[in-house]
Every structure is written in structure tokens, then in C-alpha cells.
């Protein structure tokens, strides 16, 4: 959310006052992970709402018993939010290094996929959001892993019914992007033959 991104930005700025920018850029993913962990640890981890959740009158409960989220589940969500993007980034770098050592002919799919891993991650997150907008109960992947759902404490209409058109647009956008990607891969493969 907005406040977490602001904390990441401020952490980068504060560190840039003490550390050379080139050195700092090498650890950008770790800075993001630590800032995300701090933000959600100080809110969700402690059992209080984030500023955005407080504004929207949301809180998290356990999907299993509809009670307030227990500490273990909250900390699983906090840890997953911080570590999943970091682990993805590290795995992407490792795959990129591996793909540079591989033969283009044998590993054509790897060579085609690796530069687009970031796009793939964004597509998976967009798909998850689209499914949520269409009526699923998990807003974020970390909450799915922890078994937490958000509940609204206001009398306003149920948001899922308002979000269905957004979910359909997201799905349409993803299908078009997938078709474009498959077409590019097909053309790349044909050019290599």
C-alpha cells in the first residue's frame, strides 16, 4: 500500500545519506523486504490495523474460525509479505545467470522466459487480484498462505459486488497479455528454426 511504499522510499533516502548509491542499489531488494517487514510487523504483527485498513474500516480474521487473527498467522502473513518478493528476485537473478550459461537451442524457452519473469510475477499478482474482485476471499497472497481474510466493519455495500467489473477487466487484460506473449514466443521459435 501507499504507506508501506513511503516507508521503503524514506528508508532508501535515509540510507543514501550514509552509503554510496551504487552499493545501496545492490541491496535494494533487501531494503524493500526489511522496510515491508517493519511496516507490517509494527501493525499487523502487533494485531493492529495498518493506516489504510483503519481508514477503510477493515481488519483481518482467521478464515478457519472467524476469530481475530492469532499471532502466529499474523506473523506468517508479515513474513510472507516481506520475503516472497525478495525470494522471487533472488530466484530470477539465479535463473538469469543460469540461462546465460545455457545453449540457446536447447534452452530456448528459458531464454525467452527469464527476461520476462518480472512480468510473470506481476501477471500472477494481477490474476490473484482479479479473482479477489470476482468474489474470492483472499486479498493478498501472503494472507492466503497465513489463512487470513479481511472483514469490513462499516454499513457500506459489500465491496466485491462493486469490484466485479474491475475483476473482469483485469482478466481480459491478462488474457490479451497472455495471447501477445504466446504469439511472441511462437515468432521467436519460428525465427530460430
N, C-alpha and C. Protein backbone atom coordinates (compact mmCIF):
# COMPACT_ATOMS: atom_id res chain seq x y z
N UNK A 1 0.80 -1.18 0.00
CA UNK A 1 0.00 0.00 0.00
C UNK A 1 0.85 1.25 0.00
N UNK A 2 0.19 2.35 -0.02
CA UNK A 2 0.84 3.66 -0.09
C UNK A 2 1.80 3.89 1.07
N UNK A 3 1.36 3.63 2.29
CA UNK A 3 2.19 3.94 3.46
C UNK A 3 3.43 3.05 3.51
N UNK A 4 3.30 1.81 3.12
CA UNK A 4 4.45 0.91 3.08
C UNK A 4 5.46 1.38 2.02
N UNK A 5 4.97 1.78 0.86
CA UNK A 5 5.85 2.28 -0.18
C UNK A 5 6.56 3.56 0.26
N UNK A 6 5.87 4.39 1.01
CA UNK A 6 6.51 5.60 1.55
C UNK A 6 7.62 5.24 2.53
N UNK A 7 7.39 4.24 3.37
CA UNK A 7 8.42 3.82 4.31
C UNK A 7 9.64 3.28 3.56
N UNK A 8 9.42 2.50 2.51
CA UNK A 8 10.52 1.99 1.69
C UNK A 8 11.30 3.15 1.09
N UNK A 9 10.58 4.13 0.54
CA UNK A 9 11.23 5.29 -0.07
C UNK A 9 12.06 6.07 0.95
N UNK A 10 11.50 6.28 2.13
CA UNK A 10 12.21 7.01 3.18
C UNK A 10 13.41 6.23 3.69
N UNK A 11 13.29 4.91 3.78
CA UNK A 11 14.43 4.08 4.21
C UNK A 11 15.56 4.19 3.19
N UNK A 12 15.22 4.14 1.90
CA UNK A 12 16.24 4.29 0.86
C UNK A 12 16.93 5.64 0.97
N UNK A 13 16.12 6.68 1.17
CA UNK A 13 16.68 8.03 1.28
C UNK A 13 17.60 8.14 2.50
N UNK A 14 17.16 7.65 3.64
CA UNK A 14 17.97 7.73 4.87
C UNK A 14 19.29 6.97 4.69
N UNK A 15 19.23 5.79 4.09
CA UNK A 15 20.45 5.02 3.88
C UNK A 15 21.38 5.69 2.87
N UNK A 16 20.80 6.39 1.89
CA UNK A 16 21.63 7.04 0.87
C UNK A 16 22.47 8.17 1.46
N UNK A 17 22.09 8.66 2.63
CA UNK A 17 22.88 9.70 3.28
C UNK A 17 24.18 9.14 3.85
N UNK A 18 24.21 7.83 4.09
CA UNK A 18 25.37 7.21 4.73
C UNK A 18 26.13 6.24 3.82
N UNK A 19 25.46 5.75 2.76
CA UNK A 19 26.04 4.70 1.92
C UNK A 19 26.03 5.16 0.47
N UNK A 20 27.09 4.80 -0.26
CA UNK A 20 27.19 5.13 -1.68
C UNK A 20 26.01 4.52 -2.45
N UNK A 21 25.47 5.28 -3.38
CA UNK A 21 24.29 4.85 -4.13
C UNK A 21 24.46 3.57 -4.91
N UNK A 22 25.66 3.35 -5.49
CA UNK A 22 25.90 2.11 -6.24
C UNK A 22 25.87 0.89 -5.33
N UNK A 23 26.44 1.04 -4.15
CA UNK A 23 26.43 -0.06 -3.18
C UNK A 23 25.01 -0.30 -2.69
N UNK A 24 24.30 0.80 -2.46
CA UNK A 24 22.92 0.72 -1.98
C UNK A 24 22.01 0.05 -3.00
N UNK A 25 22.22 0.32 -4.28
CA UNK A 25 21.39 -0.27 -5.33
C UNK A 25 21.51 -1.78 -5.36
N UNK A 26 22.67 -2.29 -4.97
CA UNK A 26 22.87 -3.75 -4.95
C UNK A 26 22.00 -4.42 -3.89
N UNK A 27 21.58 -3.67 -2.90
CA UNK A 27 20.78 -4.23 -1.81
C UNK A 27 19.37 -3.66 -1.77
N UNK A 28 18.89 -3.19 -2.90
CA UNK A 28 17.56 -2.57 -2.96
C UNK A 28 16.45 -3.55 -2.56
N UNK A 29 16.55 -4.79 -3.02
CA UNK A 29 15.52 -5.78 -2.67
C UNK A 29 15.49 -6.05 -1.17
N UNK A 30 16.66 -6.11 -0.55
CA UNK A 30 16.73 -6.34 0.89
C UNK A 30 16.16 -5.16 1.68
N UNK A 31 16.43 -3.94 1.19
CA UNK A 31 15.89 -2.74 1.83
C UNK A 31 14.36 -2.77 1.76
N UNK A 32 13.84 -3.14 0.61
CA UNK A 32 12.39 -3.24 0.45
C UNK A 32 11.82 -4.29 1.39
N UNK A 33 12.46 -5.45 1.47
CA UNK A 33 11.97 -6.53 2.33
C UNK A 33 11.99 -6.12 3.81
N UNK A 34 13.10 -5.51 4.24
CA UNK A 34 13.18 -5.09 5.65
C UNK A 34 12.17 -3.99 5.98
N UNK A 35 11.99 -3.05 5.06
CA UNK A 35 11.01 -1.98 5.29
C UNK A 35 9.59 -2.53 5.34
N UNK A 36 9.28 -3.46 4.43
CA UNK A 36 7.96 -4.10 4.42
C UNK A 36 7.74 -4.88 5.70
N UNK A 37 8.76 -5.61 6.13
CA UNK A 37 8.67 -6.38 7.37
C UNK A 37 8.44 -5.45 8.55
N UNK A 38 9.15 -4.32 8.60
CA UNK A 38 8.98 -3.37 9.70
C UNK A 38 7.57 -2.78 9.70
N UNK A 39 7.10 -2.36 8.52
CA UNK A 39 5.77 -1.73 8.44
C UNK A 39 4.68 -2.69 8.88
N UNK A 40 4.66 -3.88 8.29
CA UNK A 40 3.59 -4.82 8.63
C UNK A 40 3.82 -5.48 9.99
N UNK A 41 5.06 -5.60 10.40
CA UNK A 41 5.34 -6.13 11.74
C UNK A 41 4.83 -5.20 12.83
N UNK A 42 5.00 -3.89 12.62
CA UNK A 42 4.55 -2.92 13.62
C UNK A 42 3.04 -2.71 13.60
N UNK A 43 2.38 -3.16 12.56
CA UNK A 43 0.91 -3.03 12.51
C UNK A 43 0.28 -4.42 12.64
N UNK A 44 0.24 -5.14 11.55
CA UNK A 44 -0.40 -6.47 11.53
C UNK A 44 0.22 -7.42 12.54
N UNK A 45 1.54 -7.42 12.63
CA UNK A 45 2.21 -8.32 13.57
C UNK A 45 1.81 -8.07 15.02
N UNK A 46 1.57 -6.81 15.36
CA UNK A 46 1.14 -6.45 16.72
C UNK A 46 -0.37 -6.61 16.92
N UNK A 47 -1.08 -6.90 15.84
CA UNK A 47 -2.52 -7.09 15.96
C UNK A 47 -3.34 -5.83 15.79
N UNK A 48 -2.74 -4.78 15.22
CA UNK A 48 -3.47 -3.54 14.97
C UNK A 48 -3.58 -3.33 13.46
N UNK A 49 -4.50 -2.49 13.06
CA UNK A 49 -4.73 -2.22 11.64
C UNK A 49 -3.61 -1.35 11.07
N UNK A 50 -3.36 -1.52 9.78
CA UNK A 50 -2.48 -0.57 9.09
C UNK A 50 -3.28 0.72 8.92
N UNK A 51 -2.62 1.85 8.65
CA UNK A 51 -3.40 3.09 8.43
C UNK A 51 -4.44 2.95 7.33
N UNK A 52 -4.12 2.25 6.25
CA UNK A 52 -5.09 2.06 5.17
C UNK A 52 -6.28 1.22 5.60
N UNK A 53 -6.02 0.17 6.37
CA UNK A 53 -7.11 -0.68 6.87
C UNK A 53 -7.98 0.08 7.86
N UNK A 54 -7.34 0.91 8.67
CA UNK A 54 -8.09 1.70 9.64
C UNK A 54 -9.02 2.67 8.92
N UNK A 55 -8.52 3.31 7.87
CA UNK A 55 -9.32 4.25 7.10
C UNK A 55 -10.51 3.55 6.44
N UNK A 56 -10.29 2.34 5.93
CA UNK A 56 -11.34 1.60 5.22
C UNK A 56 -12.17 0.72 6.16
N UNK A 57 -11.90 0.79 7.46
CA UNK A 57 -12.62 0.00 8.47
C UNK A 57 -12.52 -1.49 8.19
N UNK A 58 -11.29 -1.97 7.98
CA UNK A 58 -11.03 -3.38 7.73
C UNK A 58 -10.20 -3.97 8.86
N UNK A 59 -10.36 -5.25 9.08
CA UNK A 59 -9.47 -5.98 9.97
C UNK A 59 -9.34 -7.40 9.44
N UNK A 60 -8.33 -8.10 9.94
CA UNK A 60 -8.10 -9.47 9.47
C UNK A 60 -8.57 -10.46 10.52
N UNK A 61 -9.19 -11.52 10.02
CA UNK A 61 -9.63 -12.61 10.90
C UNK A 61 -9.13 -13.92 10.32
N UNK A 62 -9.14 -14.94 11.13
CA UNK A 62 -8.75 -16.27 10.67
C UNK A 62 -9.87 -16.84 9.82
N UNK A 63 -9.52 -17.41 8.68
CA UNK A 63 -10.51 -17.99 7.78
C UNK A 63 -11.12 -19.24 8.39
N UNK A 64 -10.41 -19.89 9.31
CA UNK A 64 -10.85 -21.16 9.87
C UNK A 64 -11.93 -21.02 10.93
N UNK A 65 -11.86 -19.97 11.75
CA UNK A 65 -12.83 -19.85 12.84
C UNK A 65 -13.47 -18.47 12.96
N UNK A 66 -13.16 -17.56 12.05
CA UNK A 66 -13.72 -16.20 12.02
C UNK A 66 -13.42 -15.40 13.29
N UNK A 67 -12.40 -15.77 14.01
CA UNK A 67 -11.97 -15.02 15.19
C UNK A 67 -10.82 -14.10 14.78
N UNK A 68 -10.52 -13.10 15.62
CA UNK A 68 -9.37 -12.25 15.29
C UNK A 68 -8.13 -13.10 15.02
N UNK A 69 -7.34 -12.64 14.09
CA UNK A 69 -6.18 -13.41 13.63
C UNK A 69 -5.21 -13.67 14.78
N UNK A 70 -4.86 -14.95 15.03
CA UNK A 70 -3.88 -15.23 16.08
C UNK A 70 -2.49 -14.76 15.68
N UNK A 71 -1.63 -14.57 16.66
CA UNK A 71 -0.29 -14.02 16.42
C UNK A 71 0.50 -14.82 15.39
N UNK A 72 0.46 -16.13 15.46
CA UNK A 72 1.24 -16.95 14.53
C UNK A 72 0.81 -16.69 13.09
N UNK A 73 -0.48 -16.64 12.83
CA UNK A 73 -0.98 -16.39 11.47
C UNK A 73 -0.63 -14.98 11.01
N UNK A 74 -0.70 -14.01 11.93
CA UNK A 74 -0.34 -12.63 11.56
C UNK A 74 1.13 -12.56 11.16
N UNK A 75 2.00 -13.22 11.92
CA UNK A 75 3.43 -13.16 11.63
C UNK A 75 3.79 -13.97 10.39
N UNK A 76 3.05 -15.00 10.09
CA UNK A 76 3.25 -15.72 8.83
C UNK A 76 2.95 -14.78 7.67
N UNK A 77 1.86 -14.03 7.78
CA UNK A 77 1.49 -13.07 6.73
C UNK A 77 2.55 -11.98 6.59
N UNK A 78 3.01 -11.44 7.71
CA UNK A 78 4.04 -10.39 7.69
C UNK A 78 5.31 -10.91 7.01
N UNK A 79 5.75 -12.09 7.41
CA UNK A 79 6.98 -12.67 6.86
C UNK A 79 6.83 -12.96 5.37
N UNK A 80 5.68 -13.51 4.99
CA UNK A 80 5.45 -13.81 3.57
C UNK A 80 5.42 -12.54 2.73
N UNK A 81 4.79 -11.49 3.24
CA UNK A 81 4.75 -10.22 2.50
C UNK A 81 6.14 -9.67 2.25
N UNK A 82 7.02 -9.83 3.23
CA UNK A 82 8.37 -9.30 3.09
C UNK A 82 9.26 -10.21 2.25
N UNK A 83 9.14 -11.52 2.45
CA UNK A 83 10.10 -12.44 1.84
C UNK A 83 9.73 -12.92 0.44
N UNK A 84 8.44 -13.04 0.12
CA UNK A 84 8.08 -13.56 -1.21
C UNK A 84 8.68 -12.72 -2.35
N UNK A 85 8.55 -11.39 -2.32
CA UNK A 85 9.19 -10.61 -3.40
C UNK A 85 10.71 -10.73 -3.40
N UNK A 86 11.32 -10.80 -2.22
CA UNK A 86 12.77 -10.95 -2.14
C UNK A 86 13.21 -12.29 -2.71
N UNK A 87 12.53 -13.36 -2.33
CA UNK A 87 12.89 -14.68 -2.85
C UNK A 87 12.68 -14.77 -4.36
N UNK A 88 11.62 -14.15 -4.84
CA UNK A 88 11.37 -14.14 -6.29
C UNK A 88 12.51 -13.42 -7.01
N UNK A 89 12.93 -12.29 -6.47
CA UNK A 89 14.01 -11.52 -7.09
C UNK A 89 15.31 -12.32 -7.12
N UNK A 90 15.63 -12.97 -6.01
CA UNK A 90 16.86 -13.78 -5.94
C UNK A 90 16.78 -14.95 -6.93
N UNK A 91 15.63 -15.62 -6.99
CA UNK A 91 15.47 -16.74 -7.92
C UNK A 91 15.57 -16.26 -9.37
N UNK A 92 15.02 -15.09 -9.65
CA UNK A 92 15.10 -14.53 -11.01
C UNK A 92 16.54 -14.29 -11.41
N UNK A 93 17.33 -13.72 -10.48
CA UNK A 93 18.75 -13.47 -10.78
C UNK A 93 19.50 -14.78 -11.02
N UNK A 94 19.21 -15.79 -10.22
CA UNK A 94 19.88 -17.08 -10.39
C UNK A 94 19.52 -17.71 -11.73
N UNK A 95 18.23 -17.65 -12.09
CA UNK A 95 17.81 -18.19 -13.39
C UNK A 95 18.44 -17.42 -14.55
N UNK A 96 18.56 -16.11 -14.39
CA UNK A 96 19.19 -15.31 -15.44
C UNK A 96 20.65 -15.71 -15.61
N UNK A 97 21.36 -15.87 -14.52
CA UNK A 97 22.76 -16.30 -14.59
C UNK A 97 22.87 -17.69 -15.23
N UNK A 98 21.97 -18.58 -14.85
CA UNK A 98 21.97 -19.93 -15.42
C UNK A 98 21.68 -19.89 -16.91
N UNK A 99 20.71 -19.08 -17.30
CA UNK A 99 20.32 -19.03 -18.71
C UNK A 99 21.44 -18.49 -19.59
N UNK A 100 22.29 -17.65 -19.04
CA UNK A 100 23.43 -17.11 -19.81
C UNK A 100 24.46 -18.19 -20.11
N UNK A 101 24.47 -19.23 -19.28
CA UNK A 101 25.44 -20.32 -19.47
C UNK A 101 24.89 -21.43 -20.36
N UNK A 102 23.61 -21.40 -20.65
CA UNK A 102 22.96 -22.48 -21.41
C UNK A 102 22.99 -22.22 -22.90
N UNK A 103 22.88 -23.30 -23.64
CA UNK A 103 22.82 -23.26 -25.09
C UNK A 103 21.47 -22.70 -25.53
N UNK A 104 21.49 -21.75 -26.45
CA UNK A 104 20.25 -21.12 -26.93
C UNK A 104 19.28 -22.12 -27.55
N UNK A 105 19.80 -23.09 -28.26
CA UNK A 105 18.94 -24.04 -28.98
C UNK A 105 18.21 -24.97 -28.00
N UNK A 106 18.93 -25.52 -27.04
CA UNK A 106 18.32 -26.46 -26.10
C UNK A 106 17.41 -25.77 -25.09
N UNK A 107 17.78 -24.58 -24.70
CA UNK A 107 17.03 -23.90 -23.63
C UNK A 107 16.33 -22.64 -24.16
N UNK A 108 15.75 -22.74 -25.35
CA UNK A 108 15.09 -21.58 -25.95
C UNK A 108 13.97 -21.03 -25.08
N UNK A 109 13.23 -21.93 -24.42
CA UNK A 109 12.12 -21.47 -23.57
C UNK A 109 12.65 -20.71 -22.37
N UNK A 110 13.75 -21.18 -21.79
CA UNK A 110 14.36 -20.49 -20.65
C UNK A 110 14.85 -19.11 -21.07
N UNK A 111 15.48 -19.03 -22.23
CA UNK A 111 15.95 -17.73 -22.72
C UNK A 111 14.80 -16.78 -23.00
N UNK A 112 13.68 -17.30 -23.43
CA UNK A 112 12.51 -16.46 -23.71
C UNK A 112 11.80 -16.05 -22.43
N UNK A 113 11.81 -16.93 -21.42
CA UNK A 113 11.06 -16.68 -20.19
C UNK A 113 11.80 -15.79 -19.20
N UNK A 114 13.08 -16.01 -19.01
CA UNK A 114 13.84 -15.32 -17.95
C UNK A 114 13.73 -13.81 -18.01
N UNK A 115 13.88 -13.18 -19.19
CA UNK A 115 13.76 -11.71 -19.20
C UNK A 115 12.36 -11.22 -18.82
N UNK A 116 11.39 -12.11 -18.85
CA UNK A 116 10.00 -11.71 -18.57
C UNK A 116 9.50 -12.21 -17.21
N UNK A 117 10.39 -12.65 -16.35
CA UNK A 117 9.96 -13.17 -15.06
C UNK A 117 9.25 -12.11 -14.22
N UNK A 118 9.74 -10.88 -14.29
CA UNK A 118 9.08 -9.81 -13.55
C UNK A 118 7.65 -9.61 -14.05
N UNK A 119 7.48 -9.68 -15.36
CA UNK A 119 6.14 -9.57 -15.94
C UNK A 119 5.26 -10.74 -15.48
N UNK A 120 5.85 -11.93 -15.39
CA UNK A 120 5.11 -13.10 -14.94
C UNK A 120 4.63 -12.92 -13.50
N UNK A 121 5.51 -12.41 -12.64
CA UNK A 121 5.12 -12.17 -11.25
C UNK A 121 3.97 -11.17 -11.17
N UNK A 122 4.08 -10.09 -11.95
CA UNK A 122 3.01 -9.09 -11.97
C UNK A 122 1.70 -9.70 -12.48
N UNK A 123 1.80 -10.59 -13.46
CA UNK A 123 0.60 -11.24 -14.00
C UNK A 123 -0.05 -12.14 -12.95
N UNK A 124 0.75 -12.87 -12.21
CA UNK A 124 0.20 -13.74 -11.16
C UNK A 124 -0.48 -12.89 -10.08
N UNK A 125 0.15 -11.77 -9.70
CA UNK A 125 -0.47 -10.89 -8.71
C UNK A 125 -1.76 -10.28 -9.24
N UNK A 126 -1.77 -9.89 -10.52
CA UNK A 126 -2.98 -9.33 -11.13
C UNK A 126 -4.08 -10.38 -11.20
N UNK A 127 -3.71 -11.62 -11.53
CA UNK A 127 -4.70 -12.70 -11.56
C UNK A 127 -5.29 -12.92 -10.17
N UNK A 128 -4.45 -12.92 -9.17
CA UNK A 128 -4.92 -13.08 -7.79
C UNK A 128 -5.88 -11.95 -7.42
N UNK A 129 -5.55 -10.72 -7.81
CA UNK A 129 -6.43 -9.58 -7.53
C UNK A 129 -7.73 -9.69 -8.31
N UNK A 130 -7.66 -10.13 -9.56
CA UNK A 130 -8.87 -10.29 -10.37
C UNK A 130 -9.81 -11.31 -9.74
N UNK A 131 -9.26 -12.42 -9.29
CA UNK A 131 -10.07 -13.45 -8.64
C UNK A 131 -10.70 -12.90 -7.36
N UNK A 132 -9.94 -12.10 -6.62
CA UNK A 132 -10.49 -11.46 -5.41
C UNK A 132 -11.65 -10.53 -5.79
N UNK A 133 -11.47 -9.74 -6.83
CA UNK A 133 -12.53 -8.81 -7.26
C UNK A 133 -13.78 -9.55 -7.71
N UNK A 134 -13.61 -10.76 -8.19
CA UNK A 134 -14.75 -11.55 -8.66
C UNK A 134 -15.41 -12.35 -7.53
N UNK A 135 -14.93 -12.19 -6.31
CA UNK A 135 -15.63 -12.80 -5.19
C UNK A 135 -14.82 -13.70 -4.29
N UNK A 136 -13.53 -13.88 -4.55
CA UNK A 136 -12.72 -14.72 -3.67
C UNK A 136 -12.46 -13.99 -2.35
N UNK A 137 -12.00 -14.73 -1.35
CA UNK A 137 -11.86 -14.11 -0.04
C UNK A 137 -10.46 -13.62 0.30
N UNK A 138 -9.45 -14.02 -0.47
CA UNK A 138 -8.08 -13.63 -0.13
C UNK A 138 -7.64 -12.42 -0.96
N UNK A 139 -7.27 -11.34 -0.29
CA UNK A 139 -6.86 -10.12 -0.96
C UNK A 139 -5.41 -10.19 -1.41
N UNK A 140 -4.54 -10.77 -0.60
CA UNK A 140 -3.12 -10.87 -0.93
C UNK A 140 -2.64 -12.31 -0.77
N UNK A 141 -1.60 -12.64 -1.52
CA UNK A 141 -1.03 -13.99 -1.47
C UNK A 141 -0.54 -14.32 -0.06
N UNK A 142 0.05 -13.36 0.63
CA UNK A 142 0.56 -13.60 1.99
C UNK A 142 -0.59 -13.98 2.93
N UNK A 143 -1.74 -13.33 2.77
CA UNK A 143 -2.89 -13.66 3.62
C UNK A 143 -3.43 -15.04 3.29
N UNK A 144 -3.36 -15.43 2.02
CA UNK A 144 -3.79 -16.78 1.63
C UNK A 144 -2.90 -17.81 2.32
N UNK A 145 -1.58 -17.60 2.30
CA UNK A 145 -0.66 -18.52 2.94
C UNK A 145 -0.90 -18.60 4.45
N UNK A 146 -1.27 -17.48 5.05
CA UNK A 146 -1.47 -17.43 6.51
C UNK A 146 -2.90 -17.80 6.91
N UNK A 147 -3.81 -17.92 5.96
CA UNK A 147 -5.20 -18.24 6.28
C UNK A 147 -5.95 -17.08 6.93
N UNK A 148 -5.69 -15.86 6.42
CA UNK A 148 -6.35 -14.66 6.95
C UNK A 148 -7.23 -14.04 5.87
N UNK A 149 -8.36 -13.51 6.30
CA UNK A 149 -9.23 -12.76 5.40
C UNK A 149 -9.54 -11.42 6.03
N UNK A 150 -9.89 -10.45 5.18
CA UNK A 150 -10.25 -9.13 5.68
C UNK A 150 -11.76 -9.05 5.81
N UNK A 151 -12.22 -8.40 6.89
CA UNK A 151 -13.64 -8.14 7.07
C UNK A 151 -13.83 -6.64 7.22
N UNK A 152 -14.97 -6.19 6.74
CA UNK A 152 -15.31 -4.76 6.78
C UNK A 152 -16.23 -4.51 7.97
N UNK A 153 -16.01 -3.37 8.64
CA UNK A 153 -16.80 -3.04 9.83
C UNK A 153 -17.72 -1.84 9.60
N UNK A 154 -18.10 -1.61 8.37
CA UNK A 154 -18.98 -0.47 8.09
C UNK A 154 -20.25 -0.96 7.41
N UNK A 155 -21.22 -0.06 7.32
CA UNK A 155 -22.50 -0.41 6.71
C UNK A 155 -22.50 -0.17 5.20
N UNK A 156 -21.35 0.18 4.62
CA UNK A 156 -21.31 0.43 3.18
C UNK A 156 -21.52 -0.88 2.42
N UNK A 157 -21.89 -0.79 1.15
CA UNK A 157 -22.18 -2.01 0.39
C UNK A 157 -20.96 -2.94 0.32
N UNK A 158 -21.25 -4.21 0.13
CA UNK A 158 -20.19 -5.21 0.04
C UNK A 158 -19.29 -4.88 -1.16
N UNK A 159 -17.98 -4.70 -0.92
CA UNK A 159 -17.11 -4.25 -2.00
C UNK A 159 -17.00 -5.21 -3.17
N UNK A 160 -17.09 -6.52 -2.94
CA UNK A 160 -16.92 -7.46 -4.05
C UNK A 160 -17.92 -7.20 -5.17
N UNK A 161 -19.16 -6.87 -4.83
CA UNK A 161 -20.15 -6.63 -5.88
C UNK A 161 -19.78 -5.39 -6.70
N UNK A 162 -19.13 -4.44 -6.07
CA UNK A 162 -18.70 -3.23 -6.78
C UNK A 162 -17.44 -3.49 -7.62
N UNK A 163 -16.67 -4.49 -7.25
CA UNK A 163 -15.39 -4.75 -7.90
C UNK A 163 -15.48 -5.74 -9.06
N UNK A 164 -16.63 -6.36 -9.27
CA UNK A 164 -16.74 -7.36 -10.34
C UNK A 164 -16.30 -6.83 -11.71
N UNK A 165 -16.76 -5.62 -12.12
CA UNK A 165 -16.30 -5.10 -13.42
C UNK A 165 -14.77 -4.94 -13.48
N UNK A 166 -14.17 -4.54 -12.36
CA UNK A 166 -12.71 -4.40 -12.31
C UNK A 166 -12.06 -5.78 -12.49
N UNK A 167 -12.61 -6.78 -11.83
CA UNK A 167 -12.09 -8.14 -11.96
C UNK A 167 -12.18 -8.65 -13.38
N UNK A 168 -13.30 -8.37 -14.05
CA UNK A 168 -13.47 -8.80 -15.45
C UNK A 168 -12.48 -8.07 -16.37
N UNK A 169 -12.28 -6.77 -16.12
CA UNK A 169 -11.30 -6.03 -16.92
C UNK A 169 -9.89 -6.55 -16.71
N UNK A 170 -9.55 -6.86 -15.47
CA UNK A 170 -8.22 -7.43 -15.18
C UNK A 170 -8.03 -8.76 -15.89
N UNK A 171 -9.05 -9.61 -15.86
CA UNK A 171 -8.97 -10.90 -16.56
C UNK A 171 -8.81 -10.71 -18.07
N UNK A 172 -9.57 -9.78 -18.63
CA UNK A 172 -9.46 -9.52 -20.07
C UNK A 172 -8.07 -9.02 -20.41
N UNK A 173 -7.53 -8.12 -19.60
CA UNK A 173 -6.18 -7.59 -19.82
C UNK A 173 -5.15 -8.73 -19.74
N UNK A 174 -5.31 -9.61 -18.77
CA UNK A 174 -4.38 -10.73 -18.62
C UNK A 174 -4.45 -11.69 -19.81
N UNK A 175 -5.66 -11.96 -20.29
CA UNK A 175 -5.81 -12.84 -21.45
C UNK A 175 -5.17 -12.24 -22.71
N UNK A 176 -5.34 -10.95 -22.89
CA UNK A 176 -4.70 -10.29 -24.03
C UNK A 176 -3.18 -10.31 -23.91
N UNK A 177 -2.67 -10.07 -22.70
CA UNK A 177 -1.22 -10.12 -22.49
C UNK A 177 -0.69 -11.53 -22.72
N UNK A 178 -1.43 -12.54 -22.27
CA UNK A 178 -1.02 -13.92 -22.48
C UNK A 178 -0.99 -14.26 -23.97
N UNK A 179 -2.02 -13.85 -24.69
CA UNK A 179 -2.07 -14.11 -26.14
C UNK A 179 -0.90 -13.43 -26.84
N UNK A 180 -0.59 -12.22 -26.45
CA UNK A 180 0.54 -11.49 -27.03
C UNK A 180 1.86 -12.20 -26.73
N UNK A 181 2.02 -12.68 -25.52
CA UNK A 181 3.24 -13.38 -25.12
C UNK A 181 3.40 -14.68 -25.89
N UNK A 182 2.32 -15.44 -26.01
CA UNK A 182 2.37 -16.70 -26.76
C UNK A 182 2.72 -16.42 -28.22
N UNK A 183 2.16 -15.39 -28.79
CA UNK A 183 2.47 -15.02 -30.18
C UNK A 183 3.94 -14.65 -30.34
N UNK A 184 4.48 -13.87 -29.38
CA UNK A 184 5.90 -13.50 -29.42
C UNK A 184 6.79 -14.73 -29.32
N UNK A 185 6.45 -15.64 -28.39
CA UNK A 185 7.23 -16.87 -28.24
C UNK A 185 7.19 -17.70 -29.52
N UNK A 186 6.02 -17.79 -30.12
CA UNK A 186 5.88 -18.56 -31.36
C UNK A 186 6.74 -17.95 -32.47
N UNK A 187 6.71 -16.62 -32.60
CA UNK A 187 7.51 -15.96 -33.63
C UNK A 187 9.00 -16.14 -33.35
N UNK A 188 9.40 -16.06 -32.09
CA UNK A 188 10.80 -16.27 -31.72
C UNK A 188 11.24 -17.68 -32.07
N UNK A 189 10.41 -18.65 -31.77
CA UNK A 189 10.73 -20.05 -32.04
C UNK A 189 10.81 -20.29 -33.55
N UNK A 190 9.90 -19.69 -34.32
CA UNK A 190 9.92 -19.84 -35.78
C UNK A 190 11.17 -19.21 -36.38
N UNK A 191 11.60 -18.09 -35.82
CA UNK A 191 12.79 -17.41 -36.34
C UNK A 191 14.06 -18.22 -36.07
N UNK A 192 14.06 -18.99 -34.99
CA UNK A 192 15.23 -19.81 -34.65
C UNK A 192 15.35 -21.04 -35.52
N UNK A 193 14.26 -21.47 -36.13
CA UNK A 193 14.28 -22.67 -37.00
C UNK A 193 14.82 -22.36 -38.30
